[in-house]
Amino acid sequence: MLENIDWNLLKEIISCVFILSGVMFMLVATIGLLRLPDFYIRMSAITKGSTLGLGLILFGLGIYFNQPSMLLKVLAVITFTFITAPVAAHVIGRTAVQNKIPFWKHTNLNEFKKYLHREHLEEIVNYDKYEEKVLRKKKAAAREDNVE
């Protein structure tokens, strides 16, 4: 029974399944990047989708080439990617919060605001920089009108 199996064909089918699965995750991540409403949700989608997609594509390549040295390199790249991508996304997200990039209006920020209050970071609470500039201009204009 095992004599009739074409092992090269089986290897190619398995690697093809992993590679196509990875491509699908990358496609969904790209669609998420284009369609989701704010920076934070987009970053989450692209980080998760691209990390998992890259891991599946590389694993499929490791199976296809079927060499221990290649598989070791692929597993090393996958490991480092799975470690560094979420950390990088977290750092970018914290920087975005510190730079006051606004959240989507339907985002539930209750838990986030409790965290900010507990850590004495209330001044970082979400607001739109453009709206702040418009309010400053209106206040300055109102002051000038009162002076005259």
N, C-alpha and C. Protein backbone atom coordinates (compact mmCIF):
# COMPACT_ATOMS: atom_id res chain seq x y z
N MET A 1 0.82 -1.20 0.00
CA MET A 1 0.00 0.00 0.00
C MET A 1 0.86 1.26 0.00
N LEU A 2 1.90 1.33 0.86
CA LEU A 2 2.76 2.50 0.90
C LEU A 2 3.68 2.59 -0.31
N GLU A 3 3.83 1.49 -1.04
CA GLU A 3 4.68 1.52 -2.23
C GLU A 3 4.05 2.34 -3.35
N ASN A 4 2.74 2.47 -3.34
CA ASN A 4 2.02 3.15 -4.42
C ASN A 4 1.92 4.66 -4.21
N ILE A 5 2.36 5.16 -3.05
CA ILE A 5 2.23 6.58 -2.75
C ILE A 5 3.38 7.34 -3.39
N ASP A 6 3.05 8.41 -4.08
CA ASP A 6 4.05 9.30 -4.65
C ASP A 6 4.40 10.34 -3.57
N TRP A 7 5.53 10.15 -2.89
CA TRP A 7 5.90 10.99 -1.76
C TRP A 7 6.21 12.42 -2.18
N ASN A 8 6.76 12.60 -3.36
CA ASN A 8 7.01 13.96 -3.83
C ASN A 8 5.72 14.73 -4.06
N LEU A 9 4.72 14.05 -4.62
CA LEU A 9 3.42 14.68 -4.82
C LEU A 9 2.78 15.02 -3.48
N LEU A 10 2.87 14.11 -2.52
CA LEU A 10 2.30 14.35 -1.19
C LEU A 10 3.00 15.54 -0.52
N LYS A 11 4.32 15.59 -0.63
CA LYS A 11 5.09 16.70 -0.06
C LYS A 11 4.67 18.02 -0.71
N GLU A 12 4.50 18.02 -2.02
CA GLU A 12 4.10 19.23 -2.72
C GLU A 12 2.69 19.67 -2.34
N ILE A 13 1.80 18.71 -2.16
CA ILE A 13 0.42 19.05 -1.77
C ILE A 13 0.40 19.65 -0.37
N ILE A 14 1.13 19.04 0.56
CA ILE A 14 1.15 19.54 1.94
C ILE A 14 1.77 20.94 1.98
N SER A 15 2.89 21.13 1.29
CA SER A 15 3.52 22.45 1.28
C SER A 15 2.63 23.48 0.59
N CYS A 16 1.93 23.06 -0.45
CA CYS A 16 1.02 23.96 -1.15
C CYS A 16 -0.13 24.40 -0.24
N VAL A 17 -0.64 23.47 0.57
CA VAL A 17 -1.72 23.82 1.52
C VAL A 17 -1.22 24.85 2.52
N PHE A 18 -0.02 24.65 3.07
CA PHE A 18 0.52 25.62 4.03
C PHE A 18 0.77 26.98 3.37
N ILE A 19 1.34 26.98 2.18
CA ILE A 19 1.64 28.24 1.50
C ILE A 19 0.35 28.97 1.14
N LEU A 20 -0.63 28.27 0.62
CA LEU A 20 -1.90 28.93 0.27
C LEU A 20 -2.64 29.42 1.52
N SER A 21 -2.55 28.67 2.61
CA SER A 21 -3.15 29.15 3.86
C SER A 21 -2.47 30.44 4.32
N GLY A 22 -1.15 30.48 4.21
CA GLY A 22 -0.42 31.70 4.57
C GLY A 22 -0.80 32.87 3.69
N VAL A 23 -0.95 32.61 2.41
CA VAL A 23 -1.34 33.66 1.48
C VAL A 23 -2.75 34.17 1.83
N MET A 24 -3.63 33.27 2.22
CA MET A 24 -4.99 33.70 2.60
C MET A 24 -4.96 34.58 3.85
N PHE A 25 -4.13 34.21 4.83
CA PHE A 25 -4.01 35.06 6.02
C PHE A 25 -3.45 36.43 5.65
N MET A 26 -2.47 36.45 4.76
CA MET A 26 -1.92 37.73 4.31
C MET A 26 -2.98 38.56 3.57
N LEU A 27 -3.79 37.89 2.77
CA LEU A 27 -4.85 38.59 2.04
C LEU A 27 -5.87 39.18 3.00
N VAL A 28 -6.28 38.41 3.99
CA VAL A 28 -7.24 38.91 4.98
C VAL A 28 -6.63 40.08 5.76
N ALA A 29 -5.35 39.98 6.10
CA ALA A 29 -4.68 41.08 6.81
C ALA A 29 -4.65 42.34 5.94
N THR A 30 -4.40 42.17 4.66
CA THR A 30 -4.36 43.32 3.75
C THR A 30 -5.74 43.95 3.60
N ILE A 31 -6.76 43.12 3.50
CA ILE A 31 -8.13 43.65 3.43
C ILE A 31 -8.46 44.38 4.73
N GLY A 32 -8.04 43.81 5.86
CA GLY A 32 -8.25 44.48 7.14
C GLY A 32 -7.54 45.83 7.20
N LEU A 33 -6.35 45.89 6.65
CA LEU A 33 -5.60 47.15 6.63
C LEU A 33 -6.35 48.21 5.83
N LEU A 34 -7.01 47.80 4.77
CA LEU A 34 -7.72 48.75 3.92
C LEU A 34 -9.11 49.10 4.44
N ARG A 35 -9.76 48.16 5.13
CA ARG A 35 -11.18 48.35 5.46
C ARG A 35 -11.47 48.74 6.91
N LEU A 36 -10.59 48.43 7.84
CA LEU A 36 -10.91 48.69 9.25
C LEU A 36 -10.83 50.18 9.57
N PRO A 37 -11.57 50.63 10.60
CA PRO A 37 -11.81 52.06 10.77
C PRO A 37 -10.68 52.89 11.39
N ASP A 38 -9.86 52.35 12.27
CA ASP A 38 -8.85 53.22 12.88
C ASP A 38 -7.48 52.56 12.92
N PHE A 39 -6.51 53.34 13.30
CA PHE A 39 -5.11 52.91 13.28
C PHE A 39 -4.88 51.67 14.14
N TYR A 40 -5.45 51.64 15.32
CA TYR A 40 -5.17 50.57 16.28
C TYR A 40 -5.74 49.23 15.80
N ILE A 41 -6.93 49.24 15.27
CA ILE A 41 -7.54 48.00 14.77
C ILE A 41 -6.82 47.54 13.51
N ARG A 42 -6.45 48.47 12.66
CA ARG A 42 -5.69 48.10 11.46
C ARG A 42 -4.35 47.47 11.82
N MET A 43 -3.68 48.07 12.79
CA MET A 43 -2.38 47.54 13.20
C MET A 43 -2.53 46.14 13.80
N SER A 44 -3.57 45.92 14.55
CA SER A 44 -3.82 44.59 15.11
C SER A 44 -4.03 43.56 14.01
N ALA A 45 -4.84 43.92 13.04
CA ALA A 45 -5.14 42.98 11.95
C ALA A 45 -3.90 42.67 11.13
N ILE A 46 -3.14 43.69 10.78
CA ILE A 46 -1.98 43.45 9.93
C ILE A 46 -0.90 42.70 10.68
N THR A 47 -0.75 42.96 11.97
CA THR A 47 0.28 42.26 12.74
C THR A 47 -0.05 40.78 12.88
N LYS A 48 -1.27 40.49 13.27
CA LYS A 48 -1.65 39.08 13.46
C LYS A 48 -1.69 38.33 12.14
N GLY A 49 -2.30 38.92 11.14
CA GLY A 49 -2.44 38.25 9.86
C GLY A 49 -1.13 38.02 9.15
N SER A 50 -0.29 39.04 9.15
CA SER A 50 0.98 38.89 8.44
C SER A 50 1.94 37.97 9.18
N THR A 51 1.92 37.99 10.50
CA THR A 51 2.79 37.09 11.26
C THR A 51 2.40 35.65 11.03
N LEU A 52 1.12 35.36 11.16
CA LEU A 52 0.68 33.98 10.94
C LEU A 52 0.84 33.58 9.47
N GLY A 53 0.54 34.48 8.56
CA GLY A 53 0.70 34.18 7.14
C GLY A 53 2.15 33.90 6.78
N LEU A 54 3.06 34.73 7.28
CA LEU A 54 4.48 34.50 7.01
C LEU A 54 4.94 33.18 7.60
N GLY A 55 4.48 32.86 8.81
CA GLY A 55 4.84 31.58 9.43
C GLY A 55 4.38 30.39 8.61
N LEU A 56 3.15 30.44 8.12
CA LEU A 56 2.63 29.33 7.31
C LEU A 56 3.35 29.22 5.97
N ILE A 57 3.63 30.35 5.34
CA ILE A 57 4.35 30.31 4.06
C ILE A 57 5.75 29.73 4.25
N LEU A 58 6.45 30.20 5.27
CA LEU A 58 7.80 29.69 5.51
C LEU A 58 7.79 28.21 5.89
N PHE A 59 6.80 27.79 6.67
CA PHE A 59 6.70 26.37 7.04
C PHE A 59 6.43 25.52 5.79
N GLY A 60 5.59 26.02 4.90
CA GLY A 60 5.35 25.32 3.64
C GLY A 60 6.61 25.21 2.79
N LEU A 61 7.40 26.28 2.78
CA LEU A 61 8.67 26.22 2.05
C LEU A 61 9.64 25.24 2.69
N GLY A 62 9.66 25.20 4.02
CA GLY A 62 10.51 24.24 4.72
C GLY A 62 10.14 22.81 4.40
N ILE A 63 8.86 22.53 4.31
CA ILE A 63 8.41 21.18 3.95
C ILE A 63 8.76 20.88 2.49
N TYR A 64 8.59 21.85 1.62
CA TYR A 64 8.84 21.62 0.20
C TYR A 64 10.31 21.27 -0.06
N PHE A 65 11.22 22.02 0.52
CA PHE A 65 12.63 21.77 0.26
C PHE A 65 13.17 20.56 1.01
N ASN A 66 12.54 20.17 2.09
CA ASN A 66 12.79 18.89 2.76
C ASN A 66 14.27 18.67 3.08
N GLN A 67 14.92 19.70 3.61
CA GLN A 67 16.30 19.58 4.06
C GLN A 67 16.37 20.04 5.51
N PRO A 68 17.08 19.30 6.35
CA PRO A 68 17.14 19.69 7.78
C PRO A 68 17.70 21.10 8.00
N SER A 69 18.72 21.49 7.23
CA SER A 69 19.28 22.82 7.42
C SER A 69 18.26 23.90 7.02
N MET A 70 17.52 23.66 5.96
CA MET A 70 16.49 24.61 5.52
C MET A 70 15.38 24.70 6.56
N LEU A 71 14.94 23.56 7.07
CA LEU A 71 13.87 23.55 8.07
C LEU A 71 14.32 24.26 9.35
N LEU A 72 15.57 24.09 9.74
CA LEU A 72 16.09 24.76 10.92
C LEU A 72 16.09 26.28 10.72
N LYS A 73 16.51 26.73 9.55
CA LYS A 73 16.51 28.17 9.25
C LYS A 73 15.09 28.73 9.23
N VAL A 74 14.19 27.97 8.65
CA VAL A 74 12.80 28.41 8.58
C VAL A 74 12.20 28.51 9.98
N LEU A 75 12.45 27.52 10.82
CA LEU A 75 11.93 27.56 12.19
C LEU A 75 12.54 28.71 12.98
N ALA A 76 13.81 29.02 12.74
CA ALA A 76 14.44 30.16 13.41
C ALA A 76 13.77 31.47 12.98
N VAL A 77 13.53 31.64 11.69
CA VAL A 77 12.88 32.87 11.20
C VAL A 77 11.46 32.98 11.75
N ILE A 78 10.73 31.87 11.76
CA ILE A 78 9.37 31.87 12.31
C ILE A 78 9.39 32.24 13.78
N THR A 79 10.31 31.66 14.54
CA THR A 79 10.40 31.95 15.97
C THR A 79 10.68 33.43 16.21
N PHE A 80 11.68 33.97 15.52
CA PHE A 80 12.01 35.38 15.71
C PHE A 80 10.87 36.29 15.26
N THR A 81 10.18 35.92 14.21
CA THR A 81 9.05 36.73 13.75
C THR A 81 7.91 36.71 14.77
N PHE A 82 7.62 35.53 15.32
CA PHE A 82 6.54 35.43 16.30
C PHE A 82 6.89 36.14 17.60
N ILE A 83 8.16 36.32 17.88
CA ILE A 83 8.56 37.05 19.08
C ILE A 83 8.58 38.55 18.83
N THR A 84 9.14 38.96 17.71
CA THR A 84 9.36 40.40 17.50
C THR A 84 8.15 41.16 16.96
N ALA A 85 7.31 40.54 16.14
CA ALA A 85 6.19 41.28 15.54
C ALA A 85 5.19 41.79 16.59
N PRO A 86 4.75 40.97 17.56
CA PRO A 86 3.83 41.52 18.57
C PRO A 86 4.47 42.59 19.45
N VAL A 87 5.76 42.44 19.75
CA VAL A 87 6.44 43.45 20.56
C VAL A 87 6.52 44.77 19.79
N ALA A 88 6.87 44.69 18.51
CA ALA A 88 6.93 45.90 17.70
C ALA A 88 5.56 46.56 17.59
N ALA A 89 4.52 45.77 17.41
CA ALA A 89 3.16 46.33 17.33
C ALA A 89 2.77 46.99 18.65
N HIS A 90 3.16 46.40 19.76
CA HIS A 90 2.85 46.99 21.06
C HIS A 90 3.56 48.34 21.22
N VAL A 91 4.82 48.40 20.83
CA VAL A 91 5.57 49.65 20.94
C VAL A 91 4.97 50.72 20.03
N ILE A 92 4.59 50.34 18.82
CA ILE A 92 3.97 51.29 17.90
C ILE A 92 2.63 51.77 18.45
N GLY A 93 1.86 50.85 19.04
CA GLY A 93 0.57 51.22 19.63
C GLY A 93 0.73 52.18 20.80
N ARG A 94 1.71 51.92 21.67
CA ARG A 94 1.94 52.83 22.80
C ARG A 94 2.39 54.20 22.31
N THR A 95 3.21 54.21 21.29
CA THR A 95 3.65 55.49 20.73
C THR A 95 2.47 56.25 20.13
N ALA A 96 1.57 55.52 19.49
CA ALA A 96 0.38 56.16 18.92
C ALA A 96 -0.50 56.75 20.03
N VAL A 97 -0.64 56.06 21.14
CA VAL A 97 -1.42 56.59 22.25
C VAL A 97 -0.75 57.82 22.83
N GLN A 98 0.56 57.77 22.97
CA GLN A 98 1.29 58.93 23.51
C GLN A 98 1.23 60.13 22.57
N ASN A 99 1.15 59.87 21.27
CA ASN A 99 1.01 60.96 20.30
C ASN A 99 -0.44 61.34 20.06
N LYS A 100 -1.32 60.75 20.85
CA LYS A 100 -2.75 61.09 20.86
C LYS A 100 -3.43 60.84 19.52
N ILE A 101 -3.10 59.72 18.88
CA ILE A 101 -3.80 59.31 17.67
C ILE A 101 -5.21 58.87 18.11
N PRO A 102 -6.26 59.41 17.50
CA PRO A 102 -7.62 59.14 18.00
C PRO A 102 -8.06 57.70 17.74
N PHE A 103 -8.88 57.21 18.66
CA PHE A 103 -9.51 55.91 18.51
C PHE A 103 -10.76 56.07 17.65
N TRP A 104 -11.26 54.94 17.17
CA TRP A 104 -12.53 54.94 16.45
C TRP A 104 -13.63 55.32 17.43
N LYS A 105 -14.64 56.03 16.96
CA LYS A 105 -15.67 56.55 17.87
C LYS A 105 -16.47 55.46 18.57
N HIS A 106 -16.53 54.24 18.00
CA HIS A 106 -17.29 53.16 18.62
C HIS A 106 -16.43 52.24 19.48
N THR A 107 -15.17 52.58 19.67
CA THR A 107 -14.29 51.75 20.50
C THR A 107 -14.66 51.94 21.96
N ASN A 108 -14.79 50.84 22.68
CA ASN A 108 -15.10 50.88 24.10
C ASN A 108 -13.81 51.17 24.87
N LEU A 109 -13.71 52.36 25.44
CA LEU A 109 -12.49 52.79 26.11
C LEU A 109 -12.60 52.78 27.63
N ASN A 110 -13.64 52.16 28.18
CA ASN A 110 -13.84 52.20 29.63
C ASN A 110 -12.65 51.59 30.37
N GLU A 111 -12.24 50.41 29.98
CA GLU A 111 -11.13 49.75 30.66
C GLU A 111 -9.83 50.54 30.45
N PHE A 112 -9.64 51.09 29.28
CA PHE A 112 -8.45 51.89 28.98
C PHE A 112 -8.41 53.15 29.85
N LYS A 113 -9.56 53.81 30.01
CA LYS A 113 -9.60 55.01 30.84
C LYS A 113 -9.34 54.69 32.31
N LYS A 114 -9.83 53.53 32.78
CA LYS A 114 -9.53 53.11 34.16
C LYS A 114 -8.03 52.90 34.32
N TYR A 115 -7.41 52.29 33.32
CA TYR A 115 -5.95 52.09 33.37
C TYR A 115 -5.23 53.43 33.41
N LEU A 116 -5.63 54.37 32.56
CA LEU A 116 -4.99 55.68 32.55
C LEU A 116 -5.15 56.39 33.88
N HIS A 117 -6.33 56.30 34.48
CA HIS A 117 -6.57 56.94 35.78
C HIS A 117 -5.71 56.29 36.86
N ARG A 118 -5.65 54.97 36.84
CA ARG A 118 -4.88 54.23 37.84
C ARG A 118 -3.39 54.54 37.72
N GLU A 119 -2.90 54.71 36.51
CA GLU A 119 -1.48 54.97 36.28
C GLU A 119 -1.17 56.47 36.20
N HIS A 120 -2.15 57.31 36.51
CA HIS A 120 -1.99 58.76 36.48
C HIS A 120 -1.55 59.25 35.11
N LEU A 121 -2.20 58.75 34.08
CA LEU A 121 -1.87 59.14 32.71
C LEU A 121 -3.08 59.79 32.03
N GLU A 122 -3.91 60.48 32.82
CA GLU A 122 -5.15 61.02 32.27
C GLU A 122 -4.92 61.99 31.12
N GLU A 123 -3.76 62.66 31.09
CA GLU A 123 -3.53 63.64 30.03
C GLU A 123 -3.38 62.99 28.67
N ILE A 124 -3.25 61.67 28.62
CA ILE A 124 -3.09 60.97 27.35
C ILE A 124 -4.44 60.54 26.78
N VAL A 125 -5.53 60.83 27.47
CA VAL A 125 -6.86 60.38 27.02
C VAL A 125 -7.11 60.86 25.60
N ASN A 126 -7.82 60.04 24.86
CA ASN A 126 -8.04 60.22 23.42
C ASN A 126 -8.69 61.56 23.09
N TYR A 127 -8.11 62.22 22.12
CA TYR A 127 -8.76 63.35 21.48
C TYR A 127 -8.12 63.55 20.12
N ASP A 128 -8.80 64.30 19.30
CA ASP A 128 -8.35 64.52 17.93
C ASP A 128 -7.53 65.81 17.88
N LYS A 129 -6.30 65.74 17.35
CA LYS A 129 -5.44 66.91 17.28
C LYS A 129 -6.04 68.00 16.42
N TYR A 130 -6.70 67.62 15.33
CA TYR A 130 -7.30 68.60 14.44
C TYR A 130 -8.40 69.37 15.17
N GLU A 131 -9.25 68.62 15.90
CA GLU A 131 -10.32 69.29 16.64
C GLU A 131 -9.76 70.23 17.70
N GLU A 132 -8.65 69.84 18.33
CA GLU A 132 -8.02 70.69 19.33
C GLU A 132 -7.51 71.99 18.69
N LYS A 133 -6.92 71.90 17.50
CA LYS A 133 -6.43 73.08 16.82
C LYS A 133 -7.58 74.02 16.45
N VAL A 134 -8.69 73.44 16.00
CA VAL A 134 -9.85 74.25 15.64
C VAL A 134 -10.40 74.96 16.88
N LEU A 135 -10.47 74.24 18.02
CA LEU A 135 -10.95 74.87 19.25
C LEU A 135 -10.02 75.99 19.72
N ARG A 136 -8.71 75.78 19.61
CA ARG A 136 -7.76 76.82 19.99
C ARG A 136 -7.94 78.07 19.12
N LYS A 137 -8.14 77.86 17.81
CA LYS A 137 -8.33 78.99 16.91
C LYS A 137 -9.61 79.75 17.25
N LYS A 138 -10.68 79.00 17.59
CA LYS A 138 -11.94 79.65 17.95
C LYS A 138 -11.79 80.45 19.24
N LYS A 139 -11.09 79.86 20.22
CA LYS A 139 -10.88 80.58 21.48
C LYS A 139 -10.03 81.82 21.26
N ALA A 140 -9.00 81.70 20.43
CA ALA A 140 -8.15 82.87 20.14
C ALA A 140 -8.96 83.94 19.43
N ALA A 141 -9.79 83.55 18.49
CA ALA A 141 -10.64 84.50 17.77
C ALA A 141 -11.62 85.17 18.73
N ALA A 142 -12.18 84.38 19.66
CA ALA A 142 -13.12 84.95 20.64
C ALA A 142 -12.42 85.94 21.56
N ARG A 143 -11.20 85.65 21.97
CA ARG A 143 -10.43 86.56 22.81
C ARG A 143 -10.14 87.86 22.06
N GLU A 144 -9.77 87.74 20.79
CA GLU A 144 -9.50 88.94 19.99
C GLU A 144 -10.74 89.80 19.83
N ASP A 145 -11.90 89.14 19.68
CA ASP A 145 -13.15 89.90 19.57
C ASP A 145 -13.46 90.61 20.86
N ASN A 146 -13.17 89.98 22.01
CA ASN A 146 -13.44 90.60 23.32
C ASN A 146 -12.49 91.75 23.59
N VAL A 147 -11.26 91.67 23.10
CA VAL A 147 -10.28 92.73 23.31
C VAL A 147 -10.68 93.98 22.55
N GLU A 148 -11.17 93.78 21.34
CA GLU A 148 -11.55 94.93 20.50
C GLU A 148 -12.82 95.51 21.02
